[in-house]
Amino acid sequence: MAMEPSPKGSQTQSPGSLPDGLIAVVKADCPACSLARSVFVDLAERADLTVYTQDDPAFPTEADWVVDDTDLSISWGLDLDAVPTLLRIEGGVEAERTTGWDRDRWEEFTGVSDLGPDLPPFKPG
């Protein structure tokens, strides 16, 4: 799902200060994000994922690994085109990204197998 334009404002956390590891940027009203909700929870348990949520601080679930980005400061700083976007952060900066739900790509990207076995294999963002 394409992002809405973000107003420029103070950024609470710059993309250069993102935690190392996997980051997902999601939006509750995005069909691909809603479809992959269980995958985000699974990755948080198995791969130390941090989720930045654009429109609902309780999506995909209320947890300490879900970060409120309703002001879009992180999303804007990452120059995202669509959600869900999955990123690998190394040394506080982006090393790689993929957009949309693609089971094979996400398994390769994260190194975690058997993601979303009951979900369709692909849904664009």
PDB file of N, CA and C in Angstrom:
ATOM      1  N   MET A   1       0.849  -1.166   0.000  1.00  0.00           N
ATOM      2  CA  MET A   1       0.000   0.000   0.000  1.00  0.00           C
ATOM      3  C   MET A   1       0.896   1.231   0.000  1.00  0.00           C
ATOM      4  N   ALA A   2       0.632   2.150  -0.887  1.00  0.00           N
ATOM      5  CA  ALA A   2       1.436   3.358  -0.984  1.00  0.00           C
ATOM      6  C   ALA A   2       1.243   4.219   0.253  1.00  0.00           C
ATOM      7  N   MET A   3       2.326   4.899   0.626  1.00  0.00           N
ATOM      8  CA  MET A   3       2.273   5.770   1.793  1.00  0.00           C
ATOM      9  C   MET A   3       1.671   7.109   1.419  1.00  0.00           C
ATOM     10  N   GLU A   4       0.996   7.707   2.374  1.00  0.00           N
ATOM     11  CA  GLU A   4       0.507   9.063   2.202  1.00  0.00           C
ATOM     12  C   GLU A   4       1.671  10.008   2.434  1.00  0.00           C
ATOM     13  N   PRO A   5       1.668  11.168   1.783  1.00  0.00           N
ATOM     14  CA  PRO A   5       2.741  12.132   2.014  1.00  0.00           C
ATOM     15  C   PRO A   5       2.816  12.502   3.487  1.00  0.00           C
ATOM     16  N   SER A   6       4.014  12.710   3.947  1.00  0.00           N
ATOM     17  CA  SER A   6       4.212  13.057   5.347  1.00  0.00           C
ATOM     18  C   SER A   6       4.603  14.516   5.481  1.00  0.00           C
ATOM     19  N   PRO A   7       4.015  15.211   6.428  1.00  0.00           N
ATOM     20  CA  PRO A   7       4.461  16.579   6.665  1.00  0.00           C
ATOM     21  C   PRO A   7       5.844  16.546   7.299  1.00  0.00           C
ATOM     22  N   LYS A   8       6.653  17.518   6.940  1.00  0.00           N
ATOM     23  CA  LYS A   8       7.970  17.575   7.560  1.00  0.00           C
ATOM     24  C   LYS A   8       7.809  18.069   8.982  1.00  0.00           C
ATOM     25  N   GLY A   9       8.535  17.440   9.867  1.00  0.00           N
ATOM     26  CA  GLY A   9       8.453  17.822  11.266  1.00  0.00           C
ATOM     27  C   GLY A   9       9.680  17.334  11.994  1.00  0.00           C
ATOM     28  N   SER A  10       9.701  17.487  13.288  1.00  0.00           N
ATOM     29  CA  SER A  10      10.852  17.032  14.037  1.00  0.00           C
ATOM     30  C   SER A  10      10.867  15.512  14.037  1.00  0.00           C
ATOM     31  N   GLN A  11      12.022  14.972  13.833  1.00  0.00           N
ATOM     32  CA  GLN A  11      12.172  13.533  13.771  1.00  0.00           C
ATOM     33  C   GLN A  11      12.623  13.049  15.140  1.00  0.00           C
ATOM     34  N   THR A  12      11.847  12.125  15.718  1.00  0.00           N
ATOM     35  CA  THR A  12      12.164  11.658  17.052  1.00  0.00           C
ATOM     36  C   THR A  12      13.296  10.643  17.057  1.00  0.00           C
ATOM     37  N   GLN A  13      13.474   9.920  15.961  1.00  0.00           N
ATOM     38  CA  GLN A  13      14.559   8.962  15.862  1.00  0.00           C
ATOM     39  C   GLN A  13      15.012   8.955  14.424  1.00  0.00           C
ATOM     40  N   SER A  14      16.256   9.282  14.177  1.00  0.00           N
ATOM     41  CA  SER A  14      16.724   9.337  12.804  1.00  0.00           C
ATOM     42  C   SER A  14      17.005   7.937  12.298  1.00  0.00           C
ATOM     43  N   PRO A  15      16.860   7.719  10.984  1.00  0.00           N
ATOM     44  CA  PRO A  15      17.147   6.404  10.443  1.00  0.00           C
ATOM     45  C   PRO A  15      18.551   5.929  10.777  1.00  0.00           C
ATOM     46  N   GLY A  16      19.521   6.821  10.938  1.00  0.00           N
ATOM     47  CA  GLY A  16      20.882   6.429  11.293  1.00  0.00           C
ATOM     48  C   GLY A  16      21.003   5.888  12.705  1.00  0.00           C
ATOM     49  N   SER A  17      19.952   6.017  13.509  1.00  0.00           N
ATOM     50  CA  SER A  17      20.005   5.508  14.874  1.00  0.00           C
ATOM     51  C   SER A  17      19.080   4.312  15.074  1.00  0.00           C
ATOM     52  N   LEU A  18      18.660   3.682  13.984  1.00  0.00           N
ATOM     53  CA  LEU A  18      17.794   2.519  14.091  1.00  0.00           C
ATOM     54  C   LEU A  18      18.552   1.345  14.708  1.00  0.00           C
ATOM     55  N   PRO A  19      17.834   0.484  15.417  1.00  0.00           N
ATOM     56  CA  PRO A  19      18.502  -0.676  16.011  1.00  0.00           C
ATOM     57  C   PRO A  19      18.947  -1.663  14.939  1.00  0.00           C
ATOM     58  N   ASP A  20      20.105  -2.263  15.133  1.00  0.00           N
ATOM     59  CA  ASP A  20      20.570  -3.275  14.203  1.00  0.00           C
ATOM     60  C   ASP A  20      19.633  -4.473  14.222  1.00  0.00           C
ATOM     61  N   GLY A  21      19.512  -5.122  13.089  1.00  0.00           N
ATOM     62  CA  GLY A  21      18.654  -6.287  12.963  1.00  0.00           C
ATOM     63  C   GLY A  21      17.582  -6.036  11.927  1.00  0.00           C
ATOM     64  N   LEU A  22      16.461  -6.704  12.101  1.00  0.00           N
ATOM     65  CA  LEU A  22      15.356  -6.586  11.162  1.00  0.00           C
ATOM     66  C   LEU A  22      14.357  -5.544  11.625  1.00  0.00           C
ATOM     67  N   ILE A  23      13.903  -4.738  10.680  1.00  0.00           N
ATOM     68  CA  ILE A  23      12.899  -3.703  10.919  1.00  0.00           C
ATOM     69  C   ILE A  23      11.792  -3.921   9.897  1.00  0.00           C
ATOM     70  N   ALA A  24      10.561  -3.859  10.348  1.00  0.00           N
ATOM     71  CA  ALA A  24       9.428  -3.853   9.429  1.00  0.00           C
ATOM     72  C   ALA A  24       8.666  -2.558   9.647  1.00  0.00           C
ATOM     73  N   VAL A  25       8.241  -1.944   8.552  1.00  0.00           N
ATOM     74  CA  VAL A  25       7.389  -0.767   8.631  1.00  0.00           C
ATOM     75  C   VAL A  25       6.038  -1.184   8.062  1.00  0.00           C
ATOM     76  N   VAL A  26       4.996  -0.971   8.878  1.00  0.00           N
ATOM     77  CA  VAL A  26       3.673  -1.492   8.546  1.00  0.00           C
ATOM     78  C   VAL A  26       2.597  -0.438   8.773  1.00  0.00           C
ATOM     79  N   LYS A  27       1.404  -0.763   8.284  1.00  0.00           N
ATOM     80  CA  LYS A  27       0.241   0.100   8.458  1.00  0.00           C
ATOM     81  C   LYS A  27      -0.963  -0.824   8.604  1.00  0.00           C
ATOM     82  N   ALA A  28      -1.770  -0.621   9.632  1.00  0.00           N
ATOM     83  CA  ALA A  28      -2.895  -1.517   9.907  1.00  0.00           C
ATOM     84  C   ALA A  28      -3.879  -1.583   8.752  1.00  0.00           C
ATOM     85  N   ASP A  29      -4.100  -0.464   8.047  1.00  0.00           N
ATOM     86  CA  ASP A  29      -5.077  -0.507   6.959  1.00  0.00           C
ATOM     87  C   ASP A  29      -4.488  -0.963   5.627  1.00  0.00           C
ATOM     88  N   CYS A  30      -3.284  -1.480   5.639  1.00  0.00           N
ATOM     89  CA  CYS A  30      -2.640  -2.056   4.447  1.00  0.00           C
ATOM     90  C   CYS A  30      -3.021  -3.532   4.349  1.00  0.00           C
ATOM     91  N   PRO A  31      -3.645  -3.959   3.241  1.00  0.00           N
ATOM     92  CA  PRO A  31      -4.051  -5.358   3.112  1.00  0.00           C
ATOM     93  C   PRO A  31      -2.890  -6.355   3.234  1.00  0.00           C
ATOM     94  N   ALA A  32      -1.743  -6.047   2.655  1.00  0.00           N
ATOM     95  CA  ALA A  32      -0.597  -6.961   2.747  1.00  0.00           C
ATOM     96  C   ALA A  32      -0.070  -7.023   4.180  1.00  0.00           C
ATOM     97  N   CYS A  33      -0.080  -5.894   4.881  1.00  0.00           N
ATOM     98  CA  CYS A  33       0.367  -5.877   6.279  1.00  0.00           C
ATOM     99  C   CYS A  33      -0.582  -6.685   7.157  1.00  0.00           C
ATOM    100  N   SER A  34      -1.874  -6.497   6.953  1.00  0.00           N
ATOM    101  CA  SER A  34      -2.861  -7.249   7.731  1.00  0.00           C
ATOM    102  C   SER A  34      -2.734  -8.739   7.466  1.00  0.00           C
ATOM    103  N   LEU A  35      -2.524  -9.097   6.216  1.00  0.00           N
ATOM    104  CA  LEU A  35      -2.333 -10.496   5.861  1.00  0.00           C
ATOM    105  C   LEU A  35      -1.143 -11.090   6.607  1.00  0.00           C
ATOM    106  N   ALA A  36      -0.046 -10.343   6.696  1.00  0.00           N
ATOM    107  CA  ALA A  36       1.201 -10.848   7.282  1.00  0.00           C
ATOM    108  C   ALA A  36       1.313 -10.601   8.784  1.00  0.00           C
ATOM    109  N   ARG A  37       0.235 -10.213   9.433  1.00  0.00           N
ATOM    110  CA  ARG A  37       0.268  -9.912  10.877  1.00  0.00           C
ATOM    111  C   ARG A  37       0.941 -11.036  11.676  1.00  0.00           C
ATOM    112  N   SER A  38       0.560 -12.272  11.443  1.00  0.00           N
ATOM    113  CA  SER A  38       1.132 -13.400  12.194  1.00  0.00           C
ATOM    114  C   SER A  38       2.621 -13.565  11.917  1.00  0.00           C
ATOM    115  N   VAL A  39       3.060 -13.180  10.730  1.00  0.00           N
ATOM    116  CA  VAL A  39       4.480 -13.281  10.375  1.00  0.00           C
ATOM    117  C   VAL A  39       5.301 -12.295  11.199  1.00  0.00           C
ATOM    118  N   PHE A  40       4.782 -11.104  11.414  1.00  0.00           N
ATOM    119  CA  PHE A  40       5.502 -10.119  12.226  1.00  0.00           C
ATOM    120  C   PHE A  40       5.691 -10.637  13.656  1.00  0.00           C
ATOM    121  N   VAL A  41       4.644 -11.216  14.208  1.00  0.00           N
ATOM    122  CA  VAL A  41       4.735 -11.769  15.565  1.00  0.00           C
ATOM    123  C   VAL A  41       5.750 -12.914  15.597  1.00  0.00           C
ATOM    124  N   ASP A  42       5.699 -13.777  14.595  1.00  0.00           N
ATOM    125  CA  ASP A  42       6.633 -14.903  14.501  1.00  0.00           C
ATOM    126  C   ASP A  42       8.076 -14.405  14.388  1.00  0.00           C
ATOM    127  N   LEU A  43       8.315 -13.433  13.521  1.00  0.00           N
ATOM    128  CA  LEU A  43       9.671 -12.905  13.353  1.00  0.00           C
ATOM    129  C   LEU A  43      10.174 -12.202  14.608  1.00  0.00           C
ATOM    130  N   ALA A  44       9.295 -11.549  15.325  1.00  0.00           N
ATOM    131  CA  ALA A  44       9.707 -10.892  16.574  1.00  0.00           C
ATOM    132  C   ALA A  44      10.208 -11.930  17.571  1.00  0.00           C
ATOM    133  N   GLU A  45       9.606 -13.105  17.550  1.00  0.00           N
ATOM    134  CA  GLU A  45      10.021 -14.174  18.466  1.00  0.00           C
ATOM    135  C   GLU A  45      11.277 -14.899  17.982  1.00  0.00           C
ATOM    136  N   ARG A  46      11.403 -15.088  16.680  1.00  0.00           N
ATOM    137  CA  ARG A  46      12.491 -15.910  16.151  1.00  0.00           C
ATOM    138  C   ARG A  46      13.660 -15.140  15.563  1.00  0.00           C
ATOM    139  N   ALA A  47      13.489 -13.840  15.285  1.00  0.00           N
ATOM    140  CA  ALA A  47      14.559 -13.117  14.594  1.00  0.00           C
ATOM    141  C   ALA A  47      14.785 -11.713  15.123  1.00  0.00           C
ATOM    142  N   ASP A  48      14.265 -11.389  16.280  1.00  0.00           N
ATOM    143  CA  ASP A  48      14.502 -10.084  16.884  1.00  0.00           C
ATOM    144  C   ASP A  48      14.097  -8.932  15.962  1.00  0.00           C
ATOM    145  N   LEU A  49      12.837  -8.916  15.570  1.00  0.00           N
ATOM    146  CA  LEU A  49      12.279  -7.900  14.694  1.00  0.00           C
ATOM    147  C   LEU A  49      11.770  -6.713  15.498  1.00  0.00           C
ATOM    148  N   THR A  50      11.972  -5.515  14.966  1.00  0.00           N
ATOM    149  CA  THR A  50      11.333  -4.306  15.475  1.00  0.00           C
ATOM    150  C   THR A  50      10.358  -3.841  14.411  1.00  0.00           C
ATOM    151  N   VAL A  51       9.139  -3.527  14.817  1.00  0.00           N
ATOM    152  CA  VAL A  51       8.113  -3.074  13.881  1.00  0.00           C
ATOM    153  C   VAL A  51       7.798  -1.616  14.165  1.00  0.00           C
ATOM    154  N   TYR A  52       7.830  -0.796  13.114  1.00  0.00           N
ATOM    155  CA  TYR A  52       7.390   0.597  13.184  1.00  0.00           C
ATOM    156  C   TYR A  52       6.019   0.646  12.522  1.00  0.00           C
ATOM    157  N   THR A  53       5.008   1.056  13.287  1.00  0.00           N
ATOM    158  CA  THR A  53       3.642   1.054  12.792  1.00  0.00           C
ATOM    159  C   THR A  53       3.176   2.475  12.507  1.00  0.00           C
ATOM    160  N   GLN A  54       2.658   2.688  11.306  1.00  0.00           N
ATOM    161  CA  GLN A  54       2.347   4.030  10.836  1.00  0.00           C
ATOM    162  C   GLN A  54       1.002   4.591  11.280  1.00  0.00           C
ATOM    163  N   ASP A  55       0.031   3.730  11.587  1.00  0.00           N
ATOM    164  CA  ASP A  55      -1.300   4.278  11.833  1.00  0.00           C
ATOM    165  C   ASP A  55      -2.000   3.741  13.069  1.00  0.00           C
ATOM    166  N   ASP A  56      -1.476   2.707  13.693  1.00  0.00           N
ATOM    167  CA  ASP A  56      -2.124   2.124  14.860  1.00  0.00           C
ATOM    168  C   ASP A  56      -1.050   1.557  15.774  1.00  0.00           C
ATOM    169  N   PRO A  57      -0.759   2.210  16.889  1.00  0.00           N
ATOM    170  CA  PRO A  57       0.307   1.759  17.785  1.00  0.00           C
ATOM    171  C   PRO A  57       0.099   0.347  18.343  1.00  0.00           C
ATOM    172  N   ALA A  58      -1.095  -0.220  18.185  1.00  0.00           N
ATOM    173  CA  ALA A  58      -1.358  -1.583  18.659  1.00  0.00           C
ATOM    174  C   ALA A  58      -1.280  -2.606  17.522  1.00  0.00           C
ATOM    175  N   PHE A  59      -0.854  -2.189  16.339  1.00  0.00           N
ATOM    176  CA  PHE A  59      -0.728  -3.107  15.202  1.00  0.00           C
ATOM    177  C   PHE A  59       0.736  -3.414  14.967  1.00  0.00           C
ATOM    178  N   PRO A  60       1.137  -4.653  14.778  1.00  0.00           N
ATOM    179  CA  PRO A  60       0.309  -5.847  14.656  1.00  0.00           C
ATOM    180  C   PRO A  60      -0.145  -6.426  15.994  1.00  0.00           C
ATOM    181  N   THR A  61       0.433  -5.949  17.082  1.00  0.00           N
ATOM    182  CA  THR A  61       0.029  -6.356  18.423  1.00  0.00           C
ATOM    183  C   THR A  61       0.641  -5.358  19.400  1.00  0.00           C
ATOM    184  N   GLU A  62       0.138  -5.340  20.619  1.00  0.00           N
ATOM    185  CA  GLU A  62       0.780  -4.494  21.629  1.00  0.00           C
ATOM    186  C   GLU A  62       1.941  -5.271  22.212  1.00  0.00           C
ATOM    187  N   ALA A  63       3.147  -4.751  21.997  1.00  0.00           N
ATOM    188  CA  ALA A  63       4.364  -5.424  22.464  1.00  0.00           C
ATOM    189  C   ALA A  63       5.494  -4.407  22.515  1.00  0.00           C
ATOM    190  N   ASP A  64       6.544  -4.748  23.238  1.00  0.00           N
ATOM    191  CA  ASP A  64       7.665  -3.815  23.359  1.00  0.00           C
ATOM    192  C   ASP A  64       8.485  -3.712  22.073  1.00  0.00           C
ATOM    193  N   TRP A  65       8.275  -4.597  21.126  1.00  0.00           N
ATOM    194  CA  TRP A  65       8.994  -4.552  19.844  1.00  0.00           C
ATOM    195  C   TRP A  65       8.210  -3.789  18.767  1.00  0.00           C
ATOM    196  N   VAL A  66       7.059  -3.228  19.136  1.00  0.00           N
ATOM    197  CA  VAL A  66       6.264  -2.409  18.222  1.00  0.00           C
ATOM    198  C   VAL A  66       6.457  -0.944  18.606  1.00  0.00           C
ATOM    199  N   VAL A  67       6.857  -0.122  17.643  1.00  0.00           N
ATOM    200  CA  VAL A  67       7.168   1.283  17.876  1.00  0.00           C
ATOM    201  C   VAL A  67       6.172   2.149  17.106  1.00  0.00           C
ATOM    202  N   ASP A  68       5.602   3.115  17.788  1.00  0.00           N
ATOM    203  CA  ASP A  68       4.640   4.043  17.205  1.00  0.00           C
ATOM    204  C   ASP A  68       5.357   4.999  16.237  1.00  0.00           C
ATOM    205  N   ASP A  69       4.986   4.924  14.975  1.00  0.00           N
ATOM    206  CA  ASP A  69       5.512   5.847  13.970  1.00  0.00           C
ATOM    207  C   ASP A  69       4.357   6.598  13.302  1.00  0.00           C
ATOM    208  N   THR A  70       3.298   6.887  14.093  1.00  0.00           N
ATOM    209  CA  THR A  70       2.141   7.572  13.518  1.00  0.00           C
ATOM    210  C   THR A  70       2.484   8.976  13.030  1.00  0.00           C
ATOM    211  N   ASP A  71       3.571   9.553  13.516  1.00  0.00           N
ATOM    212  CA  ASP A  71       3.994  10.847  12.975  1.00  0.00           C
ATOM    213  C   ASP A  71       4.815  10.663  11.690  1.00  0.00           C
ATOM    214  N   LEU A  72       5.060   9.415  11.311  1.00  0.00           N
ATOM    215  CA  LEU A  72       5.782   9.023  10.097  1.00  0.00           C
ATOM    216  C   LEU A  72       7.227   9.519  10.048  1.00  0.00           C
ATOM    217  N   SER A  73       7.788   9.903  11.169  1.00  0.00           N
ATOM    218  CA  SER A  73       9.155  10.419  11.154  1.00  0.00           C
ATOM    219  C   SER A  73      10.169   9.374  10.692  1.00  0.00           C
ATOM    220  N   ILE A  74      10.022   8.154  11.146  1.00  0.00           N
ATOM    221  CA  ILE A  74      10.943   7.099  10.707  1.00  0.00           C
ATOM    222  C   ILE A  74      10.655   6.741   9.251  1.00  0.00           C
ATOM    223  N   SER A  75       9.392   6.533   8.933  1.00  0.00           N
ATOM    224  CA  SER A  75       9.012   6.179   7.567  1.00  0.00           C
ATOM    225  C   SER A  75       9.491   7.233   6.574  1.00  0.00           C
ATOM    226  N   TRP A  76       9.278   8.489   6.915  1.00  0.00           N
ATOM    227  CA  TRP A  76       9.705   9.592   6.054  1.00  0.00           C
ATOM    228  C   TRP A  76      11.227   9.575   5.888  1.00  0.00           C
ATOM    229  N   GLY A  77      11.943   9.383   6.986  1.00  0.00           N
ATOM    230  CA  GLY A  77      13.403   9.354   6.939  1.00  0.00           C
ATOM    231  C   GLY A  77      13.958   8.187   6.135  1.00  0.00           C
ATOM    232  N   LEU A  78      13.206   7.096   6.082  1.00  0.00           N
ATOM    233  CA  LEU A  78      13.634   5.921   5.318  1.00  0.00           C
ATOM    234  C   LEU A  78      13.243   6.005   3.842  1.00  0.00           C
ATOM    235  N   ASP A  79      12.490   7.051   3.473  1.00  0.00           N
ATOM    236  CA  ASP A  79      12.084   7.264   2.089  1.00  0.00           C
ATOM    237  C   ASP A  79      11.359   6.032   1.531  1.00  0.00           C
ATOM    238  N   LEU A  80      10.338   5.591   2.269  1.00  0.00           N
ATOM    239  CA  LEU A  80       9.578   4.409   1.865  1.00  0.00           C
ATOM    240  C   LEU A  80       8.590   4.738   0.751  1.00  0.00           C
ATOM    241  N   ASP A  81       8.397   3.777  -0.136  1.00  0.00           N
ATOM    242  CA  ASP A  81       7.406   3.909  -1.198  1.00  0.00           C
ATOM    243  C   ASP A  81       6.122   3.175  -0.860  1.00  0.00           C
ATOM    244  N   ALA A  82       6.232   2.096  -0.081  1.00  0.00           N
ATOM    245  CA  ALA A  82       5.076   1.255   0.210  1.00  0.00           C
ATOM    246  C   ALA A  82       5.338   0.468   1.490  1.00  0.00           C
ATOM    247  N   VAL A  83       4.268  -0.067   2.045  1.00  0.00           N
ATOM    248  CA  VAL A  83       4.362  -0.969   3.182  1.00  0.00           C
ATOM    249  C   VAL A  83       3.628  -2.257   2.818  1.00  0.00           C
ATOM    250  N   PRO A  84       3.986  -3.377   3.395  1.00  0.00           N
ATOM    251  CA  PRO A  84       5.061  -3.524   4.358  1.00  0.00           C
ATOM    252  C   PRO A  84       6.431  -3.444   3.685  1.00  0.00           C
ATOM    253  N   THR A  85       7.354  -2.850   4.385  1.00  0.00           N
ATOM    254  CA  THR A  85       8.751  -2.841   3.970  1.00  0.00           C
ATOM    255  C   THR A  85       9.552  -3.508   5.071  1.00  0.00           C
ATOM    256  N   LEU A  86      10.377  -4.443   4.676  1.00  0.00           N
ATOM    257  CA  LEU A  86      11.255  -5.150   5.605  1.00  0.00           C
ATOM    258  C   LEU A  86      12.675  -4.709   5.305  1.00  0.00           C
ATOM    259  N   LEU A  87      13.392  -4.293   6.355  1.00  0.00           N
ATOM    260  CA  LEU A  87      14.758  -3.789   6.195  1.00  0.00           C
ATOM    261  C   LEU A  87      15.721  -4.552   7.085  1.00  0.00           C
ATOM    262  N   ARG A  88      16.962  -4.623   6.636  1.00  0.00           N
ATOM    263  CA  ARG A  88      18.045  -5.127   7.484  1.00  0.00           C
ATOM    264  C   ARG A  88      18.910  -3.916   7.811  1.00  0.00           C
ATOM    265  N   ILE A  89      19.117  -3.689   9.115  1.00  0.00           N
ATOM    266  CA  ILE A  89      19.902  -2.553   9.586  1.00  0.00           C
ATOM    267  C   ILE A  89      21.217  -3.075  10.143  1.00  0.00           C
ATOM    268  N   GLU A  90      22.306  -2.488   9.689  1.00  0.00           N
ATOM    269  CA  GLU A  90      23.645  -2.851  10.164  1.00  0.00           C
ATOM    270  C   GLU A  90      24.388  -1.566  10.513  1.00  0.00           C
ATOM    271  N   GLY A  91      24.901  -1.491  11.703  1.00  0.00           N
ATOM    272  CA  GLY A  91      25.609  -0.293  12.140  1.00  0.00           C
ATOM    273  C   GLY A  91      24.719   0.933  12.160  1.00  0.00           C
ATOM    274  N   GLY A  92      23.417   0.708  12.391  1.00  0.00           N
ATOM    275  CA  GLY A  92      22.479   1.812  12.478  1.00  0.00           C
ATOM    276  C   GLY A  92      21.980   2.327  11.142  1.00  0.00           C
ATOM    277  N   VAL A  93      22.441   1.728  10.035  1.00  0.00           N
ATOM    278  CA  VAL A  93      21.999   2.173   8.713  1.00  0.00           C
ATOM    279  C   VAL A  93      21.472   1.000   7.903  1.00  0.00           C
ATOM    280  N   GLU A  94      20.631   1.330   6.939  1.00  0.00           N
ATOM    281  CA  GLU A  94      20.025   0.308   6.097  1.00  0.00           C
ATOM    282  C   GLU A  94      21.054  -0.393   5.233  1.00  0.00           C
ATOM    283  N   ALA A  95      21.006  -1.727   5.241  1.00  0.00           N
ATOM    284  CA  ALA A  95      21.872  -2.524   4.392  1.00  0.00           C
ATOM    285  C   ALA A  95      21.105  -3.132   3.219  1.00  0.00           C
ATOM    286  N   GLU A  96      19.804  -3.391   3.444  1.00  0.00           N
ATOM    287  CA  GLU A  96      18.996  -4.050   2.416  1.00  0.00           C
ATOM    288  C   GLU A  96      17.523  -3.858   2.752  1.00  0.00           C
ATOM    289  N   ARG A  97      16.650  -3.934   1.723  1.00  0.00           N
ATOM    290  CA  ARG A  97      15.204  -3.839   1.953  1.00  0.00           C
ATOM    291  C   ARG A  97      14.445  -4.661   0.928  1.00  0.00           C
ATOM    292  N   THR A  98      13.231  -5.015   1.303  1.00  0.00           N
ATOM    293  CA  THR A  98      12.283  -5.650   0.402  1.00  0.00           C
ATOM    294  C   THR A  98      10.898  -5.142   0.759  1.00  0.00           C
ATOM    295  N   THR A  99      10.026  -5.071  -0.237  1.00  0.00           N
ATOM    296  CA  THR A  99       8.693  -4.508  -0.045  1.00  0.00           C
ATOM    297  C   THR A  99       7.632  -5.517  -0.446  1.00  0.00           C
ATOM    298  N   GLY A 100       6.502  -5.481   0.265  1.00  0.00           N
ATOM    299  CA  GLY A 100       5.409  -6.407  -0.008  1.00  0.00           C
ATOM    300  C   GLY A 100       5.657  -7.736   0.700  1.00  0.00           C
ATOM    301  N   TRP A 101       4.642  -8.581   0.723  1.00  0.00           N
ATOM    302  CA  TRP A 101       4.774  -9.909   1.321  1.00  0.00           C
ATOM    303  C   TRP A 101       5.143 -10.891   0.218  1.00  0.00           C
ATOM    304  N   ASP A 102       6.297 -11.514   0.362  1.00  0.00           N
ATOM    305  CA  ASP A 102       6.775 -12.550  -0.552  1.00  0.00           C
ATOM    306  C   ASP A 102       7.481 -13.587   0.311  1.00  0.00           C
ATOM    307  N   ARG A 103       6.788 -14.697   0.581  1.00  0.00           N
ATOM    308  CA  ARG A 103       7.307 -15.690   1.535  1.00  0.00           C
ATOM    309  C   ARG A 103       8.737 -16.111   1.213  1.00  0.00           C
ATOM    310  N   ASP A 104       9.011 -16.494  -0.034  1.00  0.00           N
ATOM    311  CA  ASP A 104      10.356 -16.962  -0.382  1.00  0.00           C
ATOM    312  C   ASP A 104      11.406 -15.876  -0.126  1.00  0.00           C
ATOM    313  N   ARG A 105      11.104 -14.670  -0.538  1.00  0.00           N
ATOM    314  CA  ARG A 105      12.047 -13.553  -0.343  1.00  0.00           C
ATOM    315  C   ARG A 105      12.244 -13.260   1.141  1.00  0.00           C
ATOM    316  N   TRP A 106      11.139 -13.252   1.911  1.00  0.00           N
ATOM    317  CA  TRP A 106      11.250 -12.964   3.340  1.00  0.00           C
ATOM    318  C   TRP A 106      12.039 -14.060   4.059  1.00  0.00           C
ATOM    319  N   GLU A 107      11.849 -15.317   3.681  1.00  0.00           N
ATOM    320  CA  GLU A 107      12.604 -16.398   4.312  1.00  0.00           C
ATOM    321  C   GLU A 107      14.085 -16.263   3.999  1.00  0.00           C
ATOM    322  N   GLU A 108      14.403 -15.941   2.749  1.00  0.00           N
ATOM    323  CA  GLU A 108      15.802 -15.720   2.370  1.00  0.00           C
ATOM    324  C   GLU A 108      16.372 -14.504   3.097  1.00  0.00           C
ATOM    325  N   PHE A 109      15.613 -13.430   3.118  1.00  0.00           N
ATOM    326  CA  PHE A 109      16.033 -12.158   3.705  1.00  0.00           C
ATOM    327  C   PHE A 109      16.298 -12.293   5.206  1.00  0.00           C
ATOM    328  N   THR A 110      15.417 -13.020   5.921  1.00  0.00           N
ATOM    329  CA  THR A 110      15.509 -13.123   7.381  1.00  0.00           C
ATOM    330  C   THR A 110      16.303 -14.326   7.855  1.00  0.00           C
ATOM    331  N   GLY A 111      16.456 -15.337   6.996  1.00  0.00           N
ATOM    332  CA  GLY A 111      17.088 -16.581   7.418  1.00  0.00           C
ATOM    333  C   GLY A 111      16.169 -17.442   8.268  1.00  0.00           C
ATOM    334  N   VAL A 112      14.880 -17.133   8.266  1.00  0.00           N
ATOM    335  CA  VAL A 112      13.888 -17.859   9.056  1.00  0.00           C
ATOM    336  C   VAL A 112      12.987 -18.628   8.093  1.00  0.00           C
ATOM    337  N   SER A 113      12.857 -19.926   8.327  1.00  0.00           N
ATOM    338  CA  SER A 113      12.047 -20.759   7.442  1.00  0.00           C
ATOM    339  C   SER A 113      10.615 -20.888   7.954  1.00  0.00           C
ATOM    340  N   ASP A 114       9.754 -21.362   7.082  1.00  0.00           N
ATOM    341  CA  ASP A 114       8.362 -21.677   7.404  1.00  0.00           C
ATOM    342  C   ASP A 114       7.592 -20.441   7.895  1.00  0.00           C
ATOM    343  N   LEU A 115       7.762 -19.333   7.193  1.00  0.00           N
ATOM    344  CA  LEU A 115       7.029 -18.111   7.547  1.00  0.00           C
ATOM    345  C   LEU A 115       5.642 -18.136   6.911  1.00  0.00           C
ATOM    346  N   GLY A 116       4.633 -17.858   7.697  1.00  0.00           N
ATOM    347  CA  GLY A 116       3.271 -17.750   7.186  1.00  0.00           C
ATOM    348  C   GLY A 116       2.834 -18.928   6.339  1.00  0.00           C
ATOM    349  N   PRO A 117       2.965 -20.157   6.854  1.00  0.00           N
ATOM    350  CA  PRO A 117       2.642 -21.326   6.023  1.00  0.00           C
ATOM    351  C   PRO A 117       1.192 -21.363   5.553  1.00  0.00           C
ATOM    352  N   ASP A 118       0.288 -20.712   6.244  1.00  0.00           N
ATOM    353  CA  ASP A 118      -1.116 -20.706   5.855  1.00  0.00           C
ATOM    354  C   ASP A 118      -1.490 -19.506   4.991  1.00  0.00           C
ATOM    355  N   LEU A 119      -0.522 -18.658   4.687  1.00  0.00           N
ATOM    356  CA  LEU A 119      -0.783 -17.455   3.902  1.00  0.00           C
ATOM    357  C   LEU A 119      -0.494 -17.703   2.430  1.00  0.00           C
ATOM    358  N   PRO A 120      -1.086 -16.899   1.543  1.00  0.00           N
ATOM    359  CA  PRO A 120      -0.690 -16.982   0.141  1.00  0.00           C
ATOM    360  C   PRO A 120       0.806 -16.650   0.035  1.00  0.00           C
ATOM    361  N   PRO A 121       1.496 -17.177  -0.951  1.00  0.00           N
ATOM    362  CA  PRO A 121       2.944 -16.949  -1.032  1.00  0.00           C
ATOM    363  C   PRO A 121       3.347 -15.521  -1.359  1.00  0.00           C
ATOM    364  N   PHE A 122       2.435 -14.722  -1.912  1.00  0.00           N
ATOM    365  CA  PHE A 122       2.809 -13.384  -2.368  1.00  0.00           C
ATOM    366  C   PHE A 122       1.627 -12.436  -2.287  1.00  0.00           C
ATOM    367  N   LYS A 123       1.899 -11.200  -1.860  1.00  0.00           N
ATOM    368  CA  LYS A 123       0.923 -10.104  -1.940  1.00  0.00           C
ATOM    369  C   LYS A 123       1.738  -8.812  -1.982  1.00  0.00           C
ATOM    370  N   PRO A 124       1.589  -8.035  -3.068  1.00  0.00           N
ATOM    371  CA  PRO A 124       2.365  -6.805  -3.159  1.00  0.00           C
ATOM    372  C   PRO A 124       1.965  -5.799  -2.084  1.00  0.00           C
ATOM    373  N   GLY A 125       2.872  -4.892  -1.787  1.00  0.00           N
ATOM    374  CA  GLY A 125       2.612  -3.845  -0.805  1.00  0.00           C
ATOM    375  C   GLY A 125       1.928  -2.668  -1.419  1.00  0.00           C
TER     376      GLY A 125
END
